[in-house]
């Protein structure tokens, strides 16, 4: 099954992009396009890529004033919230898109789909305590499993997102 790749990056990780792209080309199959979204314009100066990489700025893919969140966030995570909104609401990729954190290097072949079904790429040892504290406050339970469900690569399906957002 064909999918696009969506990479959200920021200035501190611009130097890592060529290595991530190289690892994608080496270890992932059946992807169509790579989209890189960043807070500032960056050029396509990634050498020896098999396909063109499409660059956008945050503002080109989502029309929202994130400065409004600063007062509510209170924890300095406004950029994190912005990333989550972009992952969910961007319209540049196809219906199936794999989001990969920009500070990742894929060091082995990974099957995104098997028998036309997506694999859940589970992160391990990502026990970030604030994550579990938030779960406890919001939902009344903390860490239930020995893993966290936090991961650096996740497949999204736009039609499922649309269905989820349409629910009342």
Protein backbone atom coordinates (compact mmCIF):
# COMPACT_ATOMS: atom_id res chain seq x y z
CA UNK A 1 0.00 0.00 0.00
CA UNK A 2 1.34 3.42 -0.99
CA UNK A 3 1.73 6.19 1.60
CA UNK A 4 3.41 9.56 1.95
CA UNK A 5 5.91 10.53 4.62
CA UNK A 6 5.43 13.63 6.73
CA UNK A 7 8.37 15.03 8.69
CA UNK A 8 7.87 17.95 11.05
CA UNK A 9 11.13 19.57 11.95
CA UNK A 10 12.50 22.63 13.70
CA UNK A 11 15.72 24.60 13.52
CA UNK A 12 17.55 22.43 16.05
CA UNK A 13 17.01 19.35 13.85
CA UNK A 14 17.66 20.77 10.37
CA UNK A 15 21.13 19.23 10.37
CA UNK A 16 19.62 15.77 11.00
CA UNK A 17 17.28 15.81 7.99
CA UNK A 18 19.77 14.43 5.42
CA UNK A 19 20.46 11.44 7.66
CA UNK A 20 16.77 10.77 8.25
CA UNK A 21 16.01 11.02 4.51
CA UNK A 22 18.89 8.66 3.74
CA UNK A 23 17.58 6.15 6.28
CA UNK A 24 14.04 6.38 4.88
CA UNK A 25 15.28 5.69 1.36
CA UNK A 26 17.31 2.75 2.58
CA UNK A 27 14.86 1.13 5.01
CA UNK A 28 11.27 1.97 4.04
CA UNK A 29 9.40 0.78 0.96
CA UNK A 30 6.31 1.75 -1.01
CA UNK A 31 6.27 5.42 -0.04
CA UNK A 32 5.38 8.02 -2.61
CA UNK A 33 6.43 11.51 -1.44
CA UNK A 34 8.31 13.02 1.46
CA UNK A 35 6.90 16.27 2.87
CA UNK A 36 8.97 18.32 5.30
CA UNK A 37 7.19 20.97 7.34
CA UNK A 38 9.23 23.50 9.31
CA UNK A 39 8.77 26.88 11.03
CA UNK A 40 11.11 28.61 8.56
CA UNK A 41 11.89 28.14 4.87
CA UNK A 42 14.59 25.57 4.29
CA UNK A 43 15.99 24.60 0.94
CA UNK A 44 16.13 21.23 -0.69
CA UNK A 45 19.87 20.82 -0.28
CA UNK A 46 19.72 17.18 0.68
CA UNK A 47 22.16 15.41 -1.62
CA UNK A 48 21.66 12.14 -3.48
CA UNK A 49 17.95 11.69 -2.84
CA UNK A 50 16.00 9.26 -5.01
CA UNK A 51 12.91 11.50 -5.15
CA UNK A 52 12.17 15.16 -4.74
CA UNK A 53 11.36 16.31 -1.24
CA UNK A 54 8.52 18.80 -0.85
CA UNK A 55 9.09 21.57 1.70
CA UNK A 56 6.43 23.72 3.39
CA UNK A 57 6.41 26.10 6.31
CA UNK A 58 4.04 25.64 9.24
CA UNK A 59 1.95 28.61 8.12
CA UNK A 60 1.56 27.16 4.62
CA UNK A 61 -0.15 24.03 5.93
CA UNK A 62 -2.22 25.28 8.86
CA UNK A 63 -3.98 28.59 9.36
CA UNK A 64 -4.05 29.08 13.13
CA UNK A 65 -2.47 31.63 15.44
CA UNK A 66 -0.60 29.44 17.90
CA UNK A 67 0.40 32.40 20.03
CA UNK A 68 -3.11 32.10 21.51
CA UNK A 69 -2.01 28.86 23.18
CA UNK A 70 0.84 30.38 25.18
CA UNK A 71 -1.38 31.53 28.03
CA UNK A 72 -3.22 28.24 28.17
CA UNK A 73 -0.27 25.93 27.69
CA UNK A 74 1.68 27.31 30.61
CA UNK A 75 4.27 24.60 30.22
CA UNK A 76 6.30 25.84 27.27
CA UNK A 77 4.87 23.13 25.01
CA UNK A 78 3.21 25.45 22.47
CA UNK A 79 5.48 24.03 19.74
CA UNK A 80 4.43 20.50 20.67
CA UNK A 81 0.75 21.44 20.39
CA UNK A 82 1.46 23.06 17.04
CA UNK A 83 3.06 19.83 15.81
CA UNK A 84 0.03 17.79 16.83
CA UNK A 85 -2.36 20.16 15.05
CA UNK A 86 -0.24 20.06 11.90
CA UNK A 87 -0.07 16.25 11.97
CA UNK A 88 -3.86 16.03 12.16
CA UNK A 89 -5.01 18.91 9.99
CA UNK A 90 -2.44 19.32 7.21
CA UNK A 91 -3.76 18.71 3.71
CA UNK A 92 -0.53 18.26 1.72
CA UNK A 93 -0.15 14.49 1.97
CA UNK A 94 -2.28 11.72 0.54
CA UNK A 95 -4.86 9.92 2.69
CA UNK A 96 -2.23 7.51 4.10
CA UNK A 97 0.78 9.22 5.63
CA UNK A 98 3.53 8.17 7.97
CA UNK A 99 4.65 10.83 10.44
CA UNK A 100 8.30 10.52 11.43
CA UNK A 101 10.02 12.67 14.05
CA UNK A 102 12.89 14.63 12.52
CA UNK A 103 15.47 13.42 15.04
CA UNK A 104 15.04 9.76 14.10
CA UNK A 105 17.39 7.53 12.15
CA UNK A 106 15.85 4.30 10.83
CA UNK A 107 18.59 1.71 11.23
CA UNK A 108 16.83 -1.37 9.85
CA UNK A 109 14.15 -2.25 7.28
CA UNK A 110 10.65 -1.68 8.65
CA UNK A 111 7.44 -2.92 7.10
CA UNK A 112 4.80 -0.23 7.38
CA UNK A 113 2.14 -2.54 5.94
CA UNK A 114 1.77 -6.31 5.91
CA UNK A 115 -1.02 -7.88 3.86
CA UNK A 116 -2.46 -4.38 3.27
CA UNK A 117 -2.82 -3.84 7.02
CA UNK A 118 -0.73 -1.25 8.87
CA UNK A 119 1.76 -2.30 11.50
CA UNK A 120 1.65 -0.41 14.77
CA UNK A 121 5.19 0.82 15.33
CA UNK A 122 5.38 0.72 19.10
CA UNK A 123 7.93 2.88 20.88
CA UNK A 124 9.81 1.25 23.72
CA UNK A 125 11.24 2.71 26.91
CA UNK A 126 9.49 6.06 26.35
CA UNK A 127 8.36 6.45 29.93
CA UNK A 128 8.04 10.24 30.04
CA UNK A 129 6.50 10.91 33.46
CA UNK A 130 4.50 14.05 32.47
CA UNK A 131 2.74 11.93 29.83
CA UNK A 132 1.47 9.54 32.51
CA UNK A 133 0.63 12.39 34.90
CA UNK A 134 -1.53 13.94 32.18
CA UNK A 135 -3.28 10.60 31.60
CA UNK A 136 -3.98 10.34 35.34
CA UNK A 137 -5.42 13.86 35.54
CA UNK A 138 -7.49 13.63 32.36
CA UNK A 139 -8.67 10.03 32.38
CA UNK A 140 -8.11 8.71 35.90
CA UNK A 141 -5.45 6.13 35.07
CA UNK A 142 -1.69 6.27 34.76
CA UNK A 143 0.77 3.84 33.27
CA UNK A 144 -1.13 0.63 32.50
CA UNK A 145 1.47 -1.13 30.34
CA UNK A 146 5.24 -1.53 30.47
CA UNK A 147 5.41 0.66 27.34
CA UNK A 148 3.95 4.11 26.76
CA UNK A 149 2.42 4.18 23.26
CA UNK A 150 4.67 7.18 22.59
CA UNK A 151 6.49 6.58 19.33
CA UNK A 152 8.54 8.36 16.72
CA UNK A 153 6.72 6.92 13.70
CA UNK A 154 2.96 6.69 13.32
CA UNK A 155 0.74 5.99 10.35
CA UNK A 156 -2.25 8.30 9.90
CA UNK A 157 -5.30 7.84 7.68
CA UNK A 158 -6.99 11.13 6.90
CA UNK A 159 -10.44 9.57 6.44
CA UNK A 160 -10.24 8.12 9.99
CA UNK A 161 -9.22 11.50 11.37
CA UNK A 162 -12.19 13.08 9.59
CA UNK A 163 -14.53 10.45 11.05
CA UNK A 164 -13.12 10.92 14.54
CA UNK A 165 -13.52 14.70 14.36
CA UNK A 166 -17.08 14.40 13.07
CA UNK A 167 -18.20 12.45 16.16
CA UNK A 168 -20.12 14.47 18.74
